Amino acid sequence: MRRRGDTELVPNEVKLLVAAISATTSAAPEIHGYALARELARLEESSLAMSQSTLYRALRRLEGRGALESRWESMAEVEEDGRDGPPRRYYRVSSSGVAMARVAVQDAERAKTGKPWQAWVSPLQSN
């Protein structure tokens, strides 16, 4: 996919931000990459919405642009959860990320009426 100017998000980035906004709450404001991929698949009504390599590249780009903040889970948190795997990286949507998503979805709505962007509007209206 061709990169747009630094002020524009590509569709996958918009979808990731909206999925992260949709999946997080004030009680659970962070989400790890795999859970984010599941939420994205749920929103797109698909079993595989995006490959893992595309997902994690987009997450890094969004973090670099200030739309997301991330942290690595501590080993104490891993043990507390009773998991044997490696620590997870958790993502949180920043206030500028919410603003970026709103602008991108509004722009898409102006450019395309109806589906496919219609389903992405409701999570943004609740925040």
C-alpha atoms as a PDB file:
ATOM      1  CA  MET A   1       0.000   0.000   0.000  1.00  0.00           C
ATOM      2  CA  ARG A   2       1.347   3.396  -0.958  1.00  0.00           C
ATOM      3  CA  ARG A   3       2.078   5.755   1.967  1.00  0.00           C
ATOM      4  CA  ARG A   4       0.161   8.975   2.052  1.00  0.00           C
ATOM      5  CA  GLY A   5       1.360  12.272   3.461  1.00  0.00           C
ATOM      6  CA  ASP A   6       2.262  12.431   7.127  1.00  0.00           C
ATOM      7  CA  THR A   7      -1.071  14.064   7.910  1.00  0.00           C
ATOM      8  CA  GLU A   8      -3.197  11.217   6.539  1.00  0.00           C
ATOM      9  CA  LEU A   9      -3.779   7.751   7.912  1.00  0.00           C
ATOM     10  CA  VAL A  10      -4.043   4.818   5.527  1.00  0.00           C
ATOM     11  CA  PRO A  11      -7.238   2.703   5.844  1.00  0.00           C
ATOM     12  CA  ASN A  12      -5.563  -0.082   7.867  1.00  0.00           C
ATOM     13  CA  GLU A  13      -4.343   2.469  10.410  1.00  0.00           C
ATOM     14  CA  VAL A  14      -7.820   3.966  10.728  1.00  0.00           C
ATOM     15  CA  LYS A  15      -9.328   0.517  11.198  1.00  0.00           C
ATOM     16  CA  LEU A  16      -6.773  -0.347  13.891  1.00  0.00           C
ATOM     17  CA  LEU A  17      -7.443   2.866  15.792  1.00  0.00           C
ATOM     18  CA  VAL A  18     -11.203   2.363  15.642  1.00  0.00           C
ATOM     19  CA  ALA A  19     -10.843  -1.289  16.713  1.00  0.00           C
ATOM     20  CA  ALA A  20      -8.645  -0.227  19.649  1.00  0.00           C
ATOM     21  CA  ILE A  21     -11.149   2.463  20.651  1.00  0.00           C
ATOM     22  CA  SER A  22     -13.988  -0.051  20.358  1.00  0.00           C
ATOM     23  CA  ALA A  23     -12.209  -2.726  22.425  1.00  0.00           C
ATOM     24  CA  THR A  24     -10.971  -0.570  25.290  1.00  0.00           C
ATOM     25  CA  THR A  25     -12.825   0.974  28.209  1.00  0.00           C
ATOM     26  CA  SER A  26     -11.898   3.237  31.091  1.00  0.00           C
ATOM     27  CA  ALA A  27     -11.588   0.093  33.250  1.00  0.00           C
ATOM     28  CA  ALA A  28      -9.395  -1.681  30.657  1.00  0.00           C
ATOM     29  CA  PRO A  29      -7.715   1.075  28.607  1.00  0.00           C
ATOM     30  CA  GLU A  30      -5.024  -1.152  27.045  1.00  0.00           C
ATOM     31  CA  ILE A  31      -5.132  -3.962  24.511  1.00  0.00           C
ATOM     32  CA  HIS A  32      -2.429  -6.326  23.238  1.00  0.00           C
ATOM     33  CA  GLY A  33      -1.856  -6.956  19.540  1.00  0.00           C
ATOM     34  CA  TYR A  34      -3.545 -10.350  19.275  1.00  0.00           C
ATOM     35  CA  ALA A  35      -6.695  -9.102  21.042  1.00  0.00           C
ATOM     36  CA  LEU A  36      -6.665  -6.083  18.743  1.00  0.00           C
ATOM     37  CA  ALA A  37      -6.490  -8.387  15.711  1.00  0.00           C
ATOM     38  CA  ARG A  38      -9.511 -10.324  17.042  1.00  0.00           C
ATOM     39  CA  GLU A  39     -11.472  -7.090  17.556  1.00  0.00           C
ATOM     40  CA  LEU A  40     -10.594  -5.952  14.046  1.00  0.00           C
ATOM     41  CA  ALA A  41     -11.778  -9.291  12.625  1.00  0.00           C
ATOM     42  CA  ARG A  42     -15.009  -8.961  14.620  1.00  0.00           C
ATOM     43  CA  LEU A  43     -15.651  -5.456  13.272  1.00  0.00           C
ATOM     44  CA  GLU A  44     -14.911  -6.571   9.722  1.00  0.00           C
ATOM     45  CA  GLU A  45     -16.927  -9.780  10.200  1.00  0.00           C
ATOM     46  CA  SER A  46     -13.958 -11.773   8.930  1.00  0.00           C
ATOM     47  CA  SER A  47     -11.834 -14.562  10.321  1.00  0.00           C
ATOM     48  CA  LEU A  48      -8.611 -12.840   9.232  1.00  0.00           C
ATOM     49  CA  ALA A  49      -8.817  -9.101   8.824  1.00  0.00           C
ATOM     50  CA  MET A  50      -5.094  -8.342   8.540  1.00  0.00           C
ATOM     51  CA  SER A  51      -1.864 -10.334   8.535  1.00  0.00           C
ATOM     52  CA  GLN A  52       0.261 -10.152  11.662  1.00  0.00           C
ATOM     53  CA  SER A  53       3.143  -8.462   9.876  1.00  0.00           C
ATOM     54  CA  THR A  54       0.809  -5.767   8.511  1.00  0.00           C
ATOM     55  CA  LEU A  55      -0.802  -5.369  11.928  1.00  0.00           C
ATOM     56  CA  TYR A  56       2.438  -4.853  13.841  1.00  0.00           C
ATOM     57  CA  ARG A  57       3.947  -2.537  11.202  1.00  0.00           C
ATOM     58  CA  ALA A  58       0.818  -0.391  11.360  1.00  0.00           C
ATOM     59  CA  LEU A  59       0.921  -0.384  15.179  1.00  0.00           C
ATOM     60  CA  ARG A  60       4.548   0.840  15.088  1.00  0.00           C
ATOM     61  CA  ARG A  61       3.643   3.583  12.603  1.00  0.00           C
ATOM     62  CA  LEU A  62       0.708   4.696  14.740  1.00  0.00           C
ATOM     63  CA  GLU A  63       2.878   4.735  17.833  1.00  0.00           C
ATOM     64  CA  GLY A  64       5.507   6.774  15.993  1.00  0.00           C
ATOM     65  CA  ARG A  65       2.848   9.300  15.019  1.00  0.00           C
ATOM     66  CA  GLY A  66       1.626   9.635  18.607  1.00  0.00           C
ATOM     67  CA  ALA A  67      -1.751   7.963  17.992  1.00  0.00           C
ATOM     68  CA  LEU A  68      -0.858   5.044  20.278  1.00  0.00           C
ATOM     69  CA  GLU A  69       1.240   4.595  23.383  1.00  0.00           C
ATOM     70  CA  SER A  70       2.624   1.195  24.331  1.00  0.00           C
ATOM     71  CA  ARG A  71       4.297  -0.650  27.161  1.00  0.00           C
ATOM     72  CA  TRP A  72       5.690  -4.127  27.668  1.00  0.00           C
ATOM     73  CA  GLU A  73       3.993  -6.308  30.230  1.00  0.00           C
ATOM     74  CA  SER A  74       6.227  -7.114  33.211  1.00  0.00           C
ATOM     75  CA  MET A  75       7.168 -10.690  34.077  1.00  0.00           C
ATOM     76  CA  ALA A  76       5.222 -10.236  37.328  1.00  0.00           C
ATOM     77  CA  GLU A  77       2.085  -9.502  35.282  1.00  0.00           C
ATOM     78  CA  VAL A  78       2.704 -12.585  33.123  1.00  0.00           C
ATOM     79  CA  GLU A  79       3.057 -14.760  36.220  1.00  0.00           C
ATOM     80  CA  GLU A  80       0.022 -13.113  37.844  1.00  0.00           C
ATOM     81  CA  ASP A  81      -2.065 -14.022  34.781  1.00  0.00           C
ATOM     82  CA  GLY A  82      -0.773 -17.593  35.016  1.00  0.00           C
ATOM     83  CA  ARG A  83       0.585 -17.580  31.465  1.00  0.00           C
ATOM     84  CA  ASP A  84       3.760 -19.316  30.331  1.00  0.00           C
ATOM     85  CA  GLY A  85       4.402 -17.183  27.262  1.00  0.00           C
ATOM     86  CA  PRO A  86       6.542 -14.109  26.780  1.00  0.00           C
ATOM     87  CA  PRO A  87       5.422 -10.646  27.918  1.00  0.00           C
ATOM     88  CA  ARG A  88       2.875  -8.923  25.700  1.00  0.00           C
ATOM     89  CA  ARG A  89       3.054  -5.400  24.375  1.00  0.00           C
ATOM     90  CA  TYR A  90      -0.010  -3.398  25.381  1.00  0.00           C
ATOM     91  CA  TYR A  91      -1.338  -0.457  23.389  1.00  0.00           C
ATOM     92  CA  ARG A  92      -3.393   2.516  24.523  1.00  0.00           C
ATOM     93  CA  VAL A  93      -5.041   5.022  22.159  1.00  0.00           C
ATOM     94  CA  SER A  94      -3.889   8.563  22.918  1.00  0.00           C
ATOM     95  CA  SER A  95      -6.243  11.547  22.769  1.00  0.00           C
ATOM     96  CA  SER A  96      -4.559  12.589  19.525  1.00  0.00           C
ATOM     97  CA  GLY A  97      -5.182   9.059  18.193  1.00  0.00           C
ATOM     98  CA  VAL A  98      -8.913   9.438  18.880  1.00  0.00           C
ATOM     99  CA  ALA A  99      -8.867  12.799  17.093  1.00  0.00           C
ATOM    100  CA  MET A 100      -6.955  11.322  14.118  1.00  0.00           C
ATOM    101  CA  ALA A 101      -9.461   8.470  13.832  1.00  0.00           C
ATOM    102  CA  ARG A 102     -12.427  10.844  13.955  1.00  0.00           C
ATOM    103  CA  VAL A 103     -11.008  13.037  11.206  1.00  0.00           C
ATOM    104  CA  ALA A 104     -10.112  10.054   9.015  1.00  0.00           C
ATOM    105  CA  VAL A 105     -13.546   8.447   9.378  1.00  0.00           C
ATOM    106  CA  GLN A 106     -15.298  11.760   8.692  1.00  0.00           C
ATOM    107  CA  ASP A 107     -13.152  12.231   5.584  1.00  0.00           C
ATOM    108  CA  ALA A 108     -13.969   8.695   4.447  1.00  0.00           C
ATOM    109  CA  GLU A 109     -17.678   9.276   5.061  1.00  0.00           C
ATOM    110  CA  ARG A 110     -17.558  12.374   2.866  1.00  0.00           C
ATOM    111  CA  ALA A 111     -15.719  10.451   0.149  1.00  0.00           C
ATOM    112  CA  LYS A 112     -17.781   7.257   0.341  1.00  0.00           C
ATOM    113  CA  THR A 113     -21.348   7.162   1.499  1.00  0.00           C
ATOM    114  CA  GLY A 114     -22.659   4.021   3.130  1.00  0.00           C
ATOM    115  CA  LYS A 115     -20.645   0.860   3.564  1.00  0.00           C
ATOM    116  CA  PRO A 116     -17.754   0.097   4.206  1.00  0.00           C
ATOM    117  CA  TRP A 117     -17.124   3.008   6.576  1.00  0.00           C
ATOM    118  CA  GLN A 118     -20.589   3.167   8.125  1.00  0.00           C
ATOM    119  CA  ALA A 119     -19.796   0.385  10.607  1.00  0.00           C
ATOM    120  CA  TRP A 120     -16.669   2.222  11.778  1.00  0.00           C
ATOM    121  CA  VAL A 121     -18.503   5.396  12.817  1.00  0.00           C
ATOM    122  CA  SER A 122     -20.408   4.155  15.898  1.00  0.00           C
ATOM    123  CA  PRO A 123     -17.361   3.353  18.120  1.00  0.00           C
ATOM    124  CA  LEU A 124     -16.093   6.886  17.554  1.00  0.00           C
ATOM    125  CA  GLN A 125     -19.383   8.527  18.460  1.00  0.00           C
ATOM    126  CA  SER A 126     -19.356   7.010  21.959  1.00  0.00           C
ATOM    127  CA  ASN A 127     -15.946   8.531  22.854  1.00  0.00           C
END
